[in-house]
Protein backbone atom coordinates (compact mmCIF):
# COMPACT_ATOMS: atom_id res chain seq x y z
CA MET A 1 47.11 72.84 -50.50
CA LYS A 2 49.12 69.26 -49.17
CA LYS A 3 50.22 68.64 -45.35
CA LEU A 4 53.84 66.97 -45.40
CA ALA A 5 56.10 65.64 -42.34
CA TYR A 6 59.50 64.67 -42.97
CA ILE A 7 61.55 61.87 -41.09
CA VAL A 8 65.30 62.85 -41.65
CA THR A 9 67.60 60.10 -40.34
CA LYS A 10 70.57 61.08 -42.63
CA GLN A 11 73.46 63.38 -41.83
CA HIS A 12 74.26 63.66 -45.20
CA THR A 13 71.03 65.33 -46.38
CA GLY A 14 72.37 68.86 -46.13
CA GLU A 15 71.71 69.52 -49.36
CA PHE A 16 68.38 68.70 -50.29
CA MET A 17 67.58 69.98 -47.13
CA GLU A 18 68.92 73.13 -46.56
CA ASP A 19 67.63 73.99 -50.60
CA SER A 20 64.73 72.17 -51.68
CA VAL A 21 62.87 71.82 -47.17
CA LEU A 22 64.44 74.39 -44.99
CA LEU A 23 65.08 77.60 -47.36
CA PRO A 24 61.79 77.86 -48.32
CA LEU A 25 59.83 76.91 -45.04
CA SER A 26 62.54 79.84 -43.59
CA GLN A 27 61.07 82.00 -47.11
CA GLY A 28 57.14 81.04 -46.24
CA ASN A 29 57.37 79.42 -49.83
CA HIS A 30 57.56 75.82 -49.54
CA VAL A 31 55.54 73.76 -52.30
CA GLY A 32 52.98 72.58 -49.07
CA GLU A 33 52.39 72.99 -45.40
CA VAL A 34 54.96 71.63 -43.22
CA VAL A 35 53.59 69.71 -39.85
CA ALA A 36 56.62 67.86 -38.13
CA ILE A 37 60.26 67.32 -38.82
CA TYR A 38 61.42 64.27 -36.98
CA PHE A 39 65.65 64.83 -37.03
CA VAL A 40 66.29 60.50 -35.55
CA GLU A 41 69.35 58.58 -36.25
CA ASP A 42 72.15 60.93 -38.05
CA GLY A 43 69.77 63.08 -39.23
CA ILE A 44 69.73 64.63 -35.30
CA TYR A 45 72.91 66.41 -36.49
CA HIS A 46 71.59 68.94 -38.28
CA LEU A 47 70.13 70.62 -35.33
CA VAL A 48 73.47 71.10 -33.75
CA LYS A 49 73.80 74.75 -33.17
CA GLY A 50 76.22 75.81 -36.00
CA ALA A 51 75.54 72.70 -38.29
CA ARG A 52 74.86 74.43 -42.58
CA SER A 53 71.05 73.58 -42.16
CA SER A 54 71.07 74.93 -38.29
CA LYS A 55 69.90 78.53 -39.21
CA ASN A 56 67.09 77.99 -41.96
CA ILE A 57 65.69 74.90 -38.89
CA LYS A 58 65.31 78.29 -36.49
CA VAL A 59 64.23 80.70 -38.44
CA ALA A 60 61.30 77.96 -39.78
CA GLN A 61 60.11 76.63 -36.74
CA GLU A 62 59.87 80.46 -35.25
CA ASN A 63 57.51 81.84 -38.62
CA GLY A 64 55.30 78.47 -38.69
CA LYS A 65 53.31 76.54 -37.33
CA LEU A 66 55.77 73.65 -37.97
CA LYS A 67 56.60 71.63 -35.07
CA ILE A 68 60.25 69.87 -34.96
CA ILE A 69 61.16 67.35 -32.87
CA GLY A 70 64.62 65.87 -32.20
CA CYS A 71 65.20 62.44 -31.40
CA LYS A 72 65.69 62.15 -27.40
CA THR A 73 67.12 58.79 -27.79
CA SER A 74 69.67 59.80 -30.56
CA ILE A 75 70.76 63.11 -29.33
CA LYS A 76 71.57 60.65 -25.77
CA ASN A 77 73.29 58.44 -27.61
CA ARG A 78 75.82 60.48 -29.89
CA ASN A 79 76.29 62.61 -26.68
CA LEU A 80 74.77 66.13 -28.11
CA GLN A 81 71.86 66.98 -25.00
CA ASN A 82 73.91 70.42 -24.68
CA VAL A 83 74.85 71.46 -28.39
CA ILE A 84 71.00 70.77 -29.80
CA ILE A 85 69.02 74.81 -30.78
CA ASP A 86 67.65 75.66 -28.67
CA GLY A 87 64.09 75.25 -28.53
CA ILE A 88 63.69 72.03 -30.50
CA GLU A 89 61.44 69.36 -28.80
CA GLN A 90 63.28 66.01 -27.56
CA GLY A 91 61.37 63.20 -28.15
CA ASN A 92 60.34 59.81 -29.93
CA PHE A 93 58.51 58.61 -33.21
CA ASN A 94 55.02 58.95 -30.86
CA ASP A 95 55.58 62.36 -30.09
CA PHE A 96 56.39 62.94 -33.45
CA PHE A 97 53.71 60.81 -34.86
CA LYS A 98 50.66 63.03 -33.10
CA TYR A 99 51.47 65.91 -34.84
CA ALA A 100 52.47 63.73 -37.96
CA THR A 101 48.82 62.30 -38.62
CA GLU A 102 47.19 65.23 -39.98
CA ALA A 103 50.28 65.44 -43.08
CA ASP A 104 48.62 63.76 -46.20
CA TYR A 105 52.47 62.45 -46.90
CA ILE A 106 55.04 61.30 -44.56
CA ILE A 107 58.60 61.69 -46.41
CA SER A 108 61.33 60.09 -44.66
CA PHE A 109 65.18 60.26 -46.29
């Protein structure tokens, strides 16, 4: 099974994230082994409590070895420090890349 890492930069990727990445991850049937997801720029809105994708992000995080990182600069610049899902690591690209180096593919959208 191929190892994958994702970089999510857009807020308006909810349908793809929800149906093609997060739902299969939360159900344990994603086509690859996802090692990390890095939410940056407007993609950070996926990590807001109550967002459409937040429930499956939390389930996916709890069910696997998946590392989910929210860009601390993106969170700060959008003043979202107090509304990010509990337990999400806040870091930068270097933090993500520590986990992504084991991936066969890094997918960005």
